[in-house]
Amino acid sequence: MAPLWLVHHFLEESARRFPGKTALVCGERRFTYAEIEASAAQLARRLSELGVRRQDRVAIFLDNSPEAVIALFGILKAQAVFVMLSPTLKPKKLKYILGDAGAVALITQPSKQAVVQEALEGLEGLQHIVWVPAPPKPRPEARADGRRAHGWESLVAAEAGGPVPAAPAGPPRSAGIDLDLATIIYTSGSTGEPKGVMSTHANVLAAVRSITTYLENDERDILLVALPLSFDYGLYQVLMAFFFGGTVVLETSFLFPVKVLEKAAAERVTGFPLVPTMAALLLQLDDLSRFDLSSLRYFSNTAAALPVAYIRKLRDLFPRVAIYSMYGLTECKRVSYLPPEELERRPGSVGIPIPNEEVLIVDEEGNEVPPGVVGELVVRGSNVMPGYWNAPEESARRFRPGRYPGERLLYTGDLFRRDEEGYLYFVARKDDLIKTRGERVSPREVENALCEMEGVVEAAVIAVPDEILGSAIKAFVVPKAGVSLAEKDLFRHCKRMLEEFAIPKYFEIREALPRNPSGKIDKLALKAETARS
């Protein structure tokens, strides 16, 4: 195997080793490594011709699709940085991210045209829009705002089903080094605005090498990806598979689990990454034995803890399938995993540090605490990312100097304890971000959206326990005097304003909200009242 320094070398090396092998399956479409390599290389050349330069940011606003995979590798080959966006973004958040990232180009699809047009109003800096596929009447000519529109087909010549290009003699080594940014992943921030987690090529390579080591992946693995590629857990399944030369079976969602399982059986899937919501849907299906999942080697879970009851049911249903319970966060991708053989003894643990990583549990002064004592989890390793894009103060808060010269440690903001044998146990989060459906939601973002509704005076949002979601969002709303609000109206308003995972599951309309001595809304009181009810 040739040396792999940059993320797009994953594709180049796998195309060299397995040119005719199926790399990607999406619906009825199948792509070999050679076809994806040819398409990504062509896209890179065209992006460079359009003026995309080293470390420029290019945004991808697509549903899960082969074009999204080709785009991310093509952007990297052009020495640029890809920004994979949630396909459910609303105009306001899309505009913020494009502006914050300073994106010079956007790759999107015609079904998102209304959202894109509203988001781009008054936005400067973005020079090119690539439509996938091209609208009936593409307009590549310069527009009044200086942007140019392009059809995907005009930029990417290689298509699935066409002649397979000859395998390259060796992976080309383009300019760039592993300290360059590979991607910026936007997550919810404590201020209510998304924050961009910067990830270098070295960070990605370190995480991929570590994860594929303990999952024991090789080129025989076929990974089912029903998670959005904008979610780092879904994105890394593609990066990992292309690293070891496996196959990705890409689904748009897990909305129709029967169809996904039929696909998994037909493609002889070996790896099945889950989040708790997916596990709940899976376990609700009747007679799972009707799906031939005999090739399945492992389940993996992260984003939120898999309830112990789910783990036990999965083990009963799939006794020969390994279950990897994991913990991670975008700022370092993955922190820990529980070896499957430890599930019976430690079902509540999130395991041990991933290979080539060290974790500490510290008190408020930064001193390590002994086993059994709760403290903040701190992560040390090459997978720890350099910081947040355009947010030096936030970066300084979360990424601090370490014990040795020049190193930076990630202070996760999560409270943990470890047992005498070094196994980790999650206790709580220090901040109030709500993790639901595998996503982190800022209460302030939801509160701001609710307060934009006519007739709402103020709102407060908290997390409440939920058997399926891990945590669900509950909103307390105070209407203006004389205004009558209905829960269905609040839900409808949130559906217009927020992504699906950020819409509250529960609403409670009140005349007033409790306040603390400083006059702020007392969320601790709301949580206590909710726990008692």
Protein backbone atom coordinates (compact mmCIF):
# COMPACT_ATOMS: atom_id res chain seq x y z
CA MET A 1 0.00 0.00 0.00
CA ALA A 2 1.30 3.44 -0.92
CA PRO A 3 1.63 6.05 1.86
CA LEU A 4 -1.64 7.82 2.66
CA TRP A 5 -1.14 11.41 3.79
CA LEU A 6 -4.27 13.16 2.55
CA VAL A 7 -7.90 12.09 2.67
CA HIS A 8 -8.37 11.88 -1.11
CA HIS A 9 -5.48 9.41 -1.20
CA PHE A 10 -7.96 6.93 0.32
CA LEU A 11 -9.87 6.94 -2.97
CA GLU A 12 -6.77 7.06 -5.17
CA GLU A 13 -5.13 4.09 -3.46
CA SER A 14 -8.32 1.98 -3.45
CA ALA A 15 -8.85 2.79 -7.15
CA ARG A 16 -5.30 1.62 -7.82
CA ARG A 17 -5.76 -1.62 -5.87
CA PHE A 18 -9.39 -2.41 -6.78
CA PRO A 19 -10.28 -0.46 -9.95
CA GLY A 20 -13.21 -2.65 -11.00
CA LYS A 21 -14.61 -3.29 -7.52
CA THR A 22 -17.99 -1.83 -6.53
CA ALA A 23 -17.23 1.03 -4.17
CA LEU A 24 -20.69 2.57 -3.85
CA VAL A 25 -24.28 1.34 -4.20
CA CYS A 26 -27.13 3.85 -4.03
CA GLY A 27 -30.57 2.65 -5.11
CA GLU A 28 -30.15 1.06 -8.52
CA ARG A 29 -26.89 2.92 -9.21
CA ARG A 30 -23.53 1.22 -8.76
CA PHE A 31 -20.09 2.81 -9.03
CA THR A 32 -16.66 1.19 -9.15
CA TYR A 33 -13.62 2.73 -7.53
CA ALA A 34 -12.24 3.58 -10.98
CA GLU A 35 -15.44 5.40 -11.94
CA ILE A 36 -15.54 7.46 -8.75
CA GLU A 37 -11.85 8.27 -9.09
CA ALA A 38 -12.33 9.43 -12.70
CA SER A 39 -15.36 11.56 -11.81
CA ALA A 40 -13.71 13.10 -8.75
CA ALA A 41 -10.53 13.88 -10.74
CA GLN A 42 -12.56 15.55 -13.49
CA LEU A 43 -14.51 17.60 -10.94
CA ALA A 44 -11.25 18.68 -9.30
CA ARG A 45 -9.86 19.87 -12.65
CA ARG A 46 -13.01 21.85 -13.43
CA LEU A 47 -13.18 23.42 -9.97
CA SER A 48 -9.57 24.53 -10.37
CA GLU A 49 -10.38 26.00 -13.79
CA LEU A 50 -13.26 27.92 -12.18
CA GLY A 51 -10.83 29.52 -9.76
CA VAL A 52 -11.20 27.33 -6.65
CA ARG A 53 -7.87 27.51 -4.86
CA ARG A 54 -6.06 25.67 -2.07
CA GLN A 55 -8.03 25.77 1.21
CA ASP A 56 -11.05 27.52 -0.35
CA ARG A 57 -14.30 26.23 1.11
CA VAL A 58 -16.85 24.48 -1.12
CA ALA A 59 -20.24 23.58 0.36
CA ILE A 60 -22.21 20.42 -0.48
CA PHE A 61 -25.98 20.79 0.04
CA LEU A 62 -27.29 17.47 -1.27
CA ASP A 63 -29.33 14.51 -0.10
CA ASN A 64 -27.32 11.31 0.43
CA SER A 65 -26.27 10.47 -3.11
CA PRO A 66 -23.32 9.31 -5.24
CA GLU A 67 -22.81 12.94 -6.28
CA ALA A 68 -22.25 13.92 -2.64
CA VAL A 69 -19.50 11.29 -2.34
CA ILE A 70 -17.88 12.25 -5.66
CA ALA A 71 -18.10 15.93 -4.69
CA LEU A 72 -16.28 15.58 -1.37
CA PHE A 73 -13.37 13.73 -2.99
CA GLY A 74 -13.30 16.08 -5.98
CA ILE A 75 -13.15 19.11 -3.68
CA LEU A 76 -10.26 17.57 -1.74
CA LYS A 77 -8.42 16.72 -4.97
CA ALA A 78 -8.72 20.41 -5.89
CA GLN A 79 -6.89 21.10 -2.58
CA ALA A 80 -10.02 22.78 -1.22
CA VAL A 81 -12.07 22.15 1.94
CA PHE A 82 -15.48 20.49 1.78
CA VAL A 83 -18.37 21.60 4.00
CA MET A 84 -21.06 18.91 4.05
CA LEU A 85 -24.39 20.52 4.94
CA SER A 86 -27.55 18.96 6.34
CA PRO A 87 -30.07 18.56 3.50
CA THR A 88 -32.82 19.79 5.85
CA LEU A 89 -31.28 23.23 6.50
CA LYS A 90 -33.62 26.21 6.46
CA PRO A 91 -32.63 29.39 4.57
CA LYS A 92 -31.53 31.37 7.62
CA LYS A 93 -29.08 28.75 8.87
CA LEU A 94 -27.86 27.95 5.36
CA LYS A 95 -27.08 31.62 4.80
CA TYR A 96 -25.23 31.85 8.10
CA ILE A 97 -23.05 28.80 7.41
CA LEU A 98 -22.21 29.80 3.84
CA GLY A 99 -21.25 33.27 5.05
CA ASP A 100 -19.33 32.07 8.10
CA ALA A 101 -17.39 29.48 6.09
CA GLY A 102 -16.70 31.97 3.31
CA ALA A 103 -17.78 29.35 0.76
CA VAL A 104 -16.76 30.19 -2.80
CA ALA A 105 -18.97 27.52 -4.38
CA LEU A 106 -22.10 25.53 -3.57
CA ILE A 107 -23.04 22.12 -4.96
CA THR A 108 -26.78 21.52 -4.58
CA GLN A 109 -29.89 20.11 -6.27
CA PRO A 110 -32.92 21.72 -7.98
CA SER A 111 -35.33 20.51 -5.27
CA LYS A 112 -33.58 22.91 -2.88
CA GLN A 113 -33.76 25.88 -5.22
CA ALA A 114 -36.22 27.92 -3.12
CA VAL A 115 -34.14 27.47 0.05
CA VAL A 116 -30.92 28.30 -1.82
CA GLN A 117 -32.32 31.42 -3.48
CA GLU A 118 -33.55 32.82 -0.16
CA ALA A 119 -30.26 31.99 1.58
CA LEU A 120 -28.13 33.63 -1.11
CA GLU A 121 -29.99 36.93 -1.03
CA GLY A 122 -27.43 39.57 -0.11
CA LEU A 123 -24.70 36.97 0.46
CA GLU A 124 -21.35 37.95 -0.99
CA GLY A 125 -18.33 35.82 -1.78
CA LEU A 126 -20.06 32.74 -3.19
CA GLN A 127 -19.11 32.73 -6.88
CA HIS A 128 -20.41 29.45 -8.28
CA ILE A 129 -23.47 27.21 -7.92
CA VAL A 130 -23.38 23.67 -9.29
CA TRP A 131 -26.81 22.04 -9.84
CA VAL A 132 -27.14 18.24 -9.54
CA PRO A 133 -28.58 17.46 -12.01
CA ALA A 134 -28.68 20.61 -14.12
CA PRO A 135 -32.13 22.27 -14.27
CA PRO A 136 -33.93 22.08 -17.65
CA LYS A 137 -32.50 25.47 -18.58
CA PRO A 138 -29.10 25.83 -16.89
CA ARG A 139 -27.72 29.34 -16.92
CA PRO A 140 -23.93 29.24 -16.79
CA GLU A 141 -23.62 32.87 -17.85
CA ALA A 142 -22.61 35.51 -15.31
CA ARG A 143 -25.55 36.89 -13.35
CA ALA A 144 -26.09 40.37 -11.96
CA ASP A 145 -24.77 39.28 -8.55
CA GLY A 146 -21.61 37.93 -10.16
CA ARG A 147 -22.38 34.24 -9.56
CA ARG A 148 -22.24 31.61 -12.24
CA ALA A 149 -24.48 28.54 -12.43
CA HIS A 150 -23.22 25.22 -13.77
CA GLY A 151 -24.75 21.83 -14.49
CA TRP A 152 -23.13 18.86 -12.76
CA GLU A 153 -22.88 17.02 -16.07
CA SER A 154 -20.78 19.80 -17.56
CA LEU A 155 -18.23 19.47 -14.75
CA VAL A 156 -18.16 15.70 -14.28
CA ALA A 157 -17.70 13.67 -17.44
CA ALA A 158 -17.26 10.12 -16.07
CA GLU A 159 -20.55 8.34 -15.45
CA ALA A 160 -21.42 5.00 -13.93
CA GLY A 161 -21.92 2.34 -16.56
CA GLY A 162 -19.39 3.91 -18.95
CA PRO A 163 -15.99 2.49 -19.86
CA VAL A 164 -13.76 1.86 -16.87
CA PRO A 165 -10.62 4.01 -17.04
CA ALA A 166 -7.32 2.23 -16.74
CA ALA A 167 -6.09 1.96 -13.17
CA PRO A 168 -3.55 4.67 -12.42
CA ALA A 169 0.06 3.55 -12.04
CA GLY A 170 0.11 5.02 -8.55
CA PRO A 171 -1.83 7.56 -6.52
CA PRO A 172 -0.90 11.08 -7.67
CA ARG A 173 0.62 13.18 -4.94
CA SER A 174 -0.89 16.62 -5.26
CA ALA A 175 0.36 19.66 -3.42
CA GLY A 176 -0.83 20.04 0.13
CA ILE A 177 0.17 18.58 3.47
CA ASP A 178 -1.72 16.85 6.23
CA LEU A 179 -1.94 20.04 8.34
CA ASP A 180 -4.26 21.54 5.70
CA LEU A 181 -7.96 21.56 6.49
CA ALA A 182 -9.96 18.74 4.90
CA THR A 183 -13.42 19.67 6.15
CA ILE A 184 -15.41 21.97 8.40
CA ILE A 185 -18.33 20.25 10.12
CA TYR A 186 -21.00 22.59 11.49
CA THR A 187 -22.70 21.71 14.75
CA SER A 188 -25.03 23.63 17.04
CA GLY A 189 -23.26 26.20 19.19
CA SER A 190 -23.95 27.51 22.69
CA THR A 191 -24.78 30.95 21.25
CA GLY A 192 -27.56 29.57 19.07
CA GLU A 193 -25.53 29.93 15.87
CA PRO A 194 -23.82 26.90 14.31
CA LYS A 195 -20.10 26.54 14.95
CA GLY A 196 -17.67 25.03 12.48
CA VAL A 197 -15.40 22.28 13.76
CA MET A 198 -12.17 22.35 11.74
CA SER A 199 -10.66 19.00 10.80
CA THR A 200 -7.29 18.59 9.12
CA HIS A 201 -6.30 15.73 6.84
CA ALA A 202 -4.13 14.44 9.70
CA ASN A 203 -7.10 14.49 12.10
CA VAL A 204 -9.26 12.49 9.70
CA LEU A 205 -6.52 9.97 8.97
CA ALA A 206 -5.80 9.47 12.69
CA ALA A 207 -9.49 8.88 13.47
CA VAL A 208 -10.05 6.56 10.51
CA ARG A 209 -6.97 4.46 11.26
CA SER A 210 -7.95 4.10 14.91
CA ILE A 211 -11.62 3.24 14.34
CA THR A 212 -10.96 0.75 11.55
CA THR A 213 -8.35 -0.92 13.77
CA TYR A 214 -10.72 -1.83 16.59
CA LEU A 215 -13.59 -2.62 14.20
CA GLU A 216 -11.15 -4.91 12.35
CA ASN A 217 -12.27 -3.62 8.96
CA ASP A 218 -10.80 -4.85 5.68
CA GLU A 219 -11.70 -4.79 1.98
CA ARG A 220 -14.31 -7.53 2.48
CA ASP A 221 -16.51 -5.24 4.58
CA ILE A 222 -19.72 -3.79 3.12
CA LEU A 223 -21.07 -0.89 5.19
CA LEU A 224 -24.72 0.15 5.28
CA VAL A 225 -25.02 3.94 5.60
CA ALA A 226 -28.54 5.17 6.35
CA LEU A 227 -27.23 8.19 8.29
CA PRO A 228 -26.94 11.64 6.69
CA LEU A 229 -23.47 12.41 5.35
CA SER A 230 -23.72 15.82 7.06
CA PHE A 231 -23.57 13.89 10.36
CA ASP A 232 -19.94 12.99 11.02
CA TYR A 233 -20.94 9.44 12.00
CA GLY A 234 -22.42 8.92 8.52
CA LEU A 235 -19.61 10.78 6.73
CA TYR A 236 -16.90 8.69 8.37
CA GLN A 237 -18.49 5.44 7.22
CA VAL A 238 -17.71 6.54 3.64
CA LEU A 239 -14.21 7.75 4.53
CA MET A 240 -13.46 4.52 6.40
CA ALA A 241 -14.74 2.26 3.60
CA PHE A 242 -12.69 4.11 0.98
CA PHE A 243 -9.66 3.89 3.30
CA PHE A 244 -9.74 0.09 3.51
CA GLY A 245 -11.21 -0.56 0.06
CA GLY A 246 -14.66 -1.75 1.12
CA THR A 247 -18.12 -1.08 -0.28
CA VAL A 248 -20.70 1.50 0.87
CA VAL A 249 -24.42 0.83 0.52
CA LEU A 250 -25.80 4.37 0.77
CA GLU A 251 -29.44 4.99 1.72
CA THR A 252 -31.17 8.36 1.81
CA SER A 253 -32.57 7.67 5.30
CA PHE A 254 -33.93 5.00 7.66
CA LEU A 255 -37.49 6.26 7.21
CA PHE A 256 -38.55 2.94 5.64
CA PRO A 257 -36.61 0.34 7.66
CA VAL A 258 -38.08 -2.68 5.84
CA LYS A 259 -36.71 -1.48 2.49
CA VAL A 260 -33.34 -0.69 4.06
CA LEU A 261 -33.11 -4.16 5.61
CA GLU A 262 -34.10 -5.77 2.30
CA LYS A 263 -31.25 -3.85 0.69
CA ALA A 264 -28.86 -4.88 3.47
CA ALA A 265 -29.76 -8.53 2.88
CA ALA A 266 -29.43 -8.27 -0.91
CA GLU A 267 -26.02 -6.58 -0.71
CA ARG A 268 -24.69 -8.91 2.01
CA VAL A 269 -23.91 -6.04 4.38
CA THR A 270 -21.30 -6.72 7.09
CA GLY A 271 -21.32 -3.45 9.08
CA PHE A 272 -24.42 -1.60 10.29
CA PRO A 273 -23.89 1.75 12.10
CA LEU A 274 -26.87 2.72 14.26
CA VAL A 275 -28.14 5.54 16.44
CA PRO A 276 -30.70 4.77 19.19
CA THR A 277 -33.65 6.00 17.10
CA MET A 278 -32.75 3.53 14.35
CA ALA A 279 -32.33 0.72 16.87
CA ALA A 280 -35.80 1.45 18.28
CA LEU A 281 -37.36 1.28 14.81
CA LEU A 282 -35.45 -1.90 14.07
CA LEU A 283 -36.63 -3.59 17.25
CA GLN A 284 -40.25 -2.66 16.60
CA LEU A 285 -40.33 -4.67 13.36
CA ASP A 286 -42.09 -8.02 13.37
CA ASP A 287 -40.07 -11.15 12.63
CA LEU A 288 -36.60 -9.86 11.79
CA SER A 289 -35.67 -13.41 10.79
CA ARG A 290 -37.36 -12.82 7.42
CA PHE A 291 -34.34 -10.69 6.46
CA ASP A 292 -31.23 -12.68 5.63
CA LEU A 293 -28.62 -10.77 7.61
CA SER A 294 -26.30 -13.76 7.96
CA SER A 295 -23.40 -11.72 6.52
CA LEU A 296 -23.70 -9.07 9.23
CA ARG A 297 -20.52 -8.92 11.33
CA TYR A 298 -21.17 -5.96 13.62
CA PHE A 299 -23.49 -3.21 14.77
CA SER A 300 -21.96 0.04 15.98
CA ASN A 301 -23.61 2.82 17.94
CA THR A 302 -22.64 6.34 18.86
CA ALA A 303 -24.28 9.83 19.01
CA ALA A 304 -26.27 8.88 22.13
CA ALA A 305 -26.00 5.93 24.47
CA LEU A 306 -27.85 2.84 23.33
CA PRO A 307 -30.26 1.84 26.12
CA VAL A 308 -29.20 -1.35 27.85
CA ALA A 309 -32.57 -2.92 26.97
CA TYR A 310 -31.85 -2.32 23.27
CA ILE A 311 -28.41 -3.92 23.57
CA ARG A 312 -29.89 -7.02 25.19
CA LYS A 313 -32.61 -7.34 22.54
CA LEU A 314 -30.10 -6.96 19.72
CA ARG A 315 -27.88 -9.62 21.27
CA ASP A 316 -30.85 -11.98 21.58
CA LEU A 317 -31.87 -11.41 17.97
CA PHE A 318 -28.35 -11.46 16.52
CA PRO A 319 -26.25 -13.64 18.85
CA ARG A 320 -23.34 -13.93 16.39
CA VAL A 321 -23.17 -10.21 15.59
CA ALA A 322 -20.72 -8.03 17.57
CA ILE A 323 -22.13 -4.84 19.08
CA TYR A 324 -19.77 -1.88 19.50
CA SER A 325 -21.10 0.73 21.91
CA MET A 326 -19.12 3.94 21.41
CA TYR A 327 -18.85 7.55 22.55
CA GLY A 328 -17.57 10.51 20.61
CA LEU A 329 -18.00 14.12 19.66
CA THR A 330 -17.30 16.01 16.46
CA GLU A 331 -14.30 17.82 17.95
CA CYS A 332 -12.29 14.57 18.01
CA LYS A 333 -14.59 12.24 16.07
CA ARG A 334 -14.39 9.31 18.51
CA VAL A 335 -13.31 9.00 22.14
CA SER A 336 -14.01 5.45 23.23
CA TYR A 337 -15.48 2.06 22.38
CA LEU A 338 -16.65 -0.86 24.49
CA PRO A 339 -15.16 -4.18 23.31
CA PRO A 340 -18.14 -6.43 22.50
CA GLU A 341 -16.97 -9.09 24.94
CA GLU A 342 -17.42 -6.57 27.78
CA LEU A 343 -21.09 -5.86 27.07
CA GLU A 344 -22.41 -8.35 29.60
CA ARG A 345 -20.16 -7.13 32.42
CA ARG A 346 -20.36 -3.38 31.72
CA PRO A 347 -23.56 -2.61 29.74
CA GLY A 348 -23.58 0.98 31.03
CA SER A 349 -19.99 1.75 30.02
CA VAL A 350 -18.85 3.54 26.87
CA GLY A 351 -15.61 1.62 27.04
CA ILE A 352 -11.94 2.42 26.77
CA PRO A 353 -10.04 5.07 24.73
CA ILE A 354 -9.70 4.31 21.04
CA PRO A 355 -6.23 3.21 19.85
CA ASN A 356 -3.57 5.96 19.84
CA GLU A 357 -5.53 8.24 22.16
CA GLU A 358 -5.35 9.17 25.85
CA VAL A 359 -8.20 10.44 28.03
CA LEU A 360 -8.09 12.15 31.40
CA ILE A 361 -10.82 12.89 33.92
CA VAL A 362 -10.06 16.12 35.75
CA ASP A 363 -11.47 18.40 38.44
CA GLU A 364 -12.14 22.14 38.11
CA GLU A 365 -8.42 22.87 38.57
CA GLY A 366 -7.38 20.44 35.83
CA ASN A 367 -6.04 17.78 38.20
CA GLU A 368 -6.75 14.13 37.47
CA VAL A 369 -9.32 12.52 39.75
CA PRO A 370 -9.13 8.93 41.05
CA PRO A 371 -11.40 6.09 39.84
CA GLY A 372 -15.03 6.49 40.85
CA VAL A 373 -14.84 10.29 41.13
CA VAL A 374 -16.79 12.40 38.62
CA GLY A 375 -14.89 15.00 36.59
CA GLU A 376 -14.65 16.52 33.14
CA LEU A 377 -13.44 14.29 30.32
CA VAL A 378 -10.33 15.58 28.52
CA VAL A 379 -9.04 14.03 25.28
CA ARG A 380 -5.46 13.92 23.99
CA GLY A 381 -4.55 12.58 20.54
CA SER A 382 -3.92 13.21 16.85
CA ASN A 383 -7.66 12.96 16.27
CA VAL A 384 -8.26 16.13 18.35
CA MET A 385 -9.13 18.89 15.92
CA PRO A 386 -7.46 22.31 15.93
CA GLY A 387 -10.48 24.38 16.93
CA TYR A 388 -13.57 26.18 15.71
CA TRP A 389 -13.67 28.17 12.49
CA ASN A 390 -13.91 31.93 13.10
CA ALA A 391 -14.41 31.39 16.85
CA PRO A 392 -11.11 31.96 18.69
CA GLU A 393 -12.77 32.55 22.08
CA GLU A 394 -14.79 29.35 21.86
CA SER A 395 -11.67 27.50 20.70
CA ALA A 396 -9.68 28.82 23.65
CA ARG A 397 -12.40 27.59 26.01
CA ARG A 398 -12.52 24.03 24.65
CA PHE A 399 -8.94 23.49 23.38
CA ARG A 400 -6.35 24.26 26.06
CA PRO A 401 -2.59 23.77 26.45
CA GLY A 402 -1.58 20.33 27.63
CA ARG A 403 1.08 19.00 29.96
CA TYR A 404 3.74 18.92 27.24
CA PRO A 405 5.09 21.78 25.09
CA GLY A 406 3.01 22.58 22.03
CA GLU A 407 0.14 20.15 22.62
CA ARG A 408 -3.55 21.05 22.93
CA LEU A 409 -6.11 19.09 24.88
CA LEU A 410 -9.85 18.92 24.20
CA TYR A 411 -12.01 19.71 27.22
CA THR A 412 -15.23 17.97 26.24
CA GLY A 413 -17.60 19.65 28.67
CA ASP A 414 -18.92 16.19 29.56
CA LEU A 415 -18.83 14.70 33.04
CA PHE A 416 -17.47 11.17 33.36
CA ARG A 417 -16.15 8.66 35.86
CA ARG A 418 -13.92 5.64 35.28
CA ASP A 419 -13.76 2.36 37.14
CA GLU A 420 -10.68 0.69 38.58
CA GLU A 421 -9.97 -1.05 35.27
CA GLY A 422 -10.13 2.18 33.25
CA TYR A 423 -13.59 1.77 31.69
CA LEU A 424 -15.45 5.04 31.14
CA TYR A 425 -18.99 5.93 32.22
CA PHE A 426 -20.85 9.00 30.97
CA VAL A 427 -22.55 10.97 33.77
CA ALA A 428 -23.91 14.25 32.32
CA ARG A 429 -23.14 17.25 30.12
CA LYS A 430 -21.78 20.41 31.65
CA ASP A 431 -23.55 22.71 29.22
CA ASP A 432 -27.20 22.64 28.30
CA LEU A 433 -26.94 21.54 24.67
CA ILE A 434 -29.56 18.92 23.99
CA LYS A 435 -28.47 15.76 22.18
CA THR A 436 -31.45 14.22 20.41
CA ARG A 437 -31.76 11.97 17.36
CA GLY A 438 -27.99 11.93 17.13
CA GLU A 439 -27.77 15.74 16.78
CA ARG A 440 -26.87 18.51 19.21
CA VAL A 441 -29.52 21.19 19.50
CA SER A 442 -29.02 24.61 21.04
CA PRO A 443 -32.00 25.52 23.27
CA ARG A 444 -31.43 29.15 22.33
CA GLU A 445 -31.94 28.38 18.65
CA VAL A 446 -35.32 26.77 19.37
CA GLU A 447 -36.29 29.55 21.78
CA ASN A 448 -35.40 32.19 19.19
CA ALA A 449 -37.53 30.41 16.59
CA LEU A 450 -40.51 30.20 18.95
CA CYS A 451 -40.21 33.84 19.89
CA GLU A 452 -40.44 34.80 16.22
CA MET A 453 -44.01 33.47 16.20
CA GLU A 454 -46.68 36.12 16.39
CA GLY A 455 -48.29 36.08 19.84
CA VAL A 456 -45.36 34.51 21.74
CA VAL A 457 -43.86 36.57 24.56
CA GLU A 458 -41.10 34.25 25.69
CA ALA A 459 -40.06 30.63 25.54
CA ALA A 460 -37.79 28.24 27.38
CA VAL A 461 -36.51 24.88 26.15
CA ILE A 462 -35.18 21.96 28.16
CA ALA A 463 -34.28 18.31 27.59
CA VAL A 464 -36.48 15.58 29.02
CA PRO A 465 -35.66 11.86 29.13
CA ASP A 466 -36.99 9.84 26.21
CA GLU A 467 -36.78 6.06 25.82
CA ILE A 468 -36.22 6.20 22.06
CA LEU A 469 -34.43 9.50 21.46
CA GLY A 470 -32.31 9.48 24.63
CA SER A 471 -33.41 13.06 25.20
CA ALA A 472 -36.41 14.87 23.76
CA ILE A 473 -37.03 18.60 23.51
CA LYS A 474 -39.74 20.24 25.59
CA ALA A 475 -40.72 23.88 25.04
CA PHE A 476 -42.48 26.12 27.54
CA VAL A 477 -44.24 29.03 25.85
CA VAL A 478 -45.83 32.18 27.28
CA PRO A 479 -48.39 33.85 24.96
CA LYS A 480 -49.28 37.51 24.83
CA ALA A 481 -52.23 38.54 26.98
CA GLY A 482 -55.46 37.74 25.21
CA VAL A 483 -53.75 35.51 22.61
CA SER A 484 -54.79 31.89 22.38
CA LEU A 485 -52.06 29.47 21.23
CA ALA A 486 -52.53 25.83 20.32
CA GLU A 487 -49.84 23.17 20.41
CA LYS A 488 -50.50 22.29 16.77
CA ASP A 489 -49.83 25.92 15.78
CA LEU A 490 -46.55 25.91 17.69
CA PHE A 491 -45.54 22.64 16.03
CA ARG A 492 -46.43 23.95 12.58
CA HIS A 493 -44.40 27.12 13.18
CA CYS A 494 -41.35 25.12 14.36
CA LYS A 495 -41.62 22.84 11.35
CA ARG A 496 -41.25 25.91 9.11
CA MET A 497 -38.38 27.37 11.11
CA LEU A 498 -36.30 24.43 12.29
CA GLU A 499 -34.68 21.23 11.09
CA GLU A 500 -36.67 18.11 11.94
CA PHE A 501 -34.43 17.01 14.81
CA ALA A 502 -34.73 20.45 16.49
CA ILE A 503 -38.55 20.52 16.61
CA PRO A 504 -39.80 20.08 20.21
CA LYS A 505 -41.61 16.85 20.94
CA TYR A 506 -43.58 18.47 23.77
CA PHE A 507 -45.11 21.92 24.23
CA GLU A 508 -46.49 23.43 27.41
CA ILE A 509 -48.28 26.79 27.35
CA ARG A 510 -48.01 28.82 30.56
CA GLU A 511 -49.00 32.23 31.83
CA ALA A 512 -45.50 32.83 33.21
CA LEU A 513 -42.13 31.14 33.64
CA PRO A 514 -40.20 30.79 36.93
CA ARG A 515 -37.25 33.11 37.42
CA ASN A 516 -34.13 33.05 39.57
CA PRO A 517 -32.95 35.94 41.76
CA SER A 518 -31.13 37.59 38.86
CA GLY A 519 -34.35 37.74 36.86
CA LYS A 520 -33.40 35.02 34.36
CA ILE A 521 -35.73 32.15 33.49
CA ASP A 522 -35.04 29.37 35.99
CA LYS A 523 -34.59 26.26 33.84
CA LEU A 524 -33.54 24.19 36.83
CA ALA A 525 -36.97 24.82 38.32
CA LEU A 526 -38.62 23.81 35.04
CA LYS A 527 -36.59 20.60 34.97
CA ALA A 528 -37.48 19.83 38.58
CA GLU A 529 -41.19 20.43 37.93
CA THR A 530 -41.08 18.23 34.84
CA ALA A 531 -39.31 15.44 36.73
CA ARG A 532 -42.01 15.50 39.44
CA SER A 533 -44.93 15.45 36.98
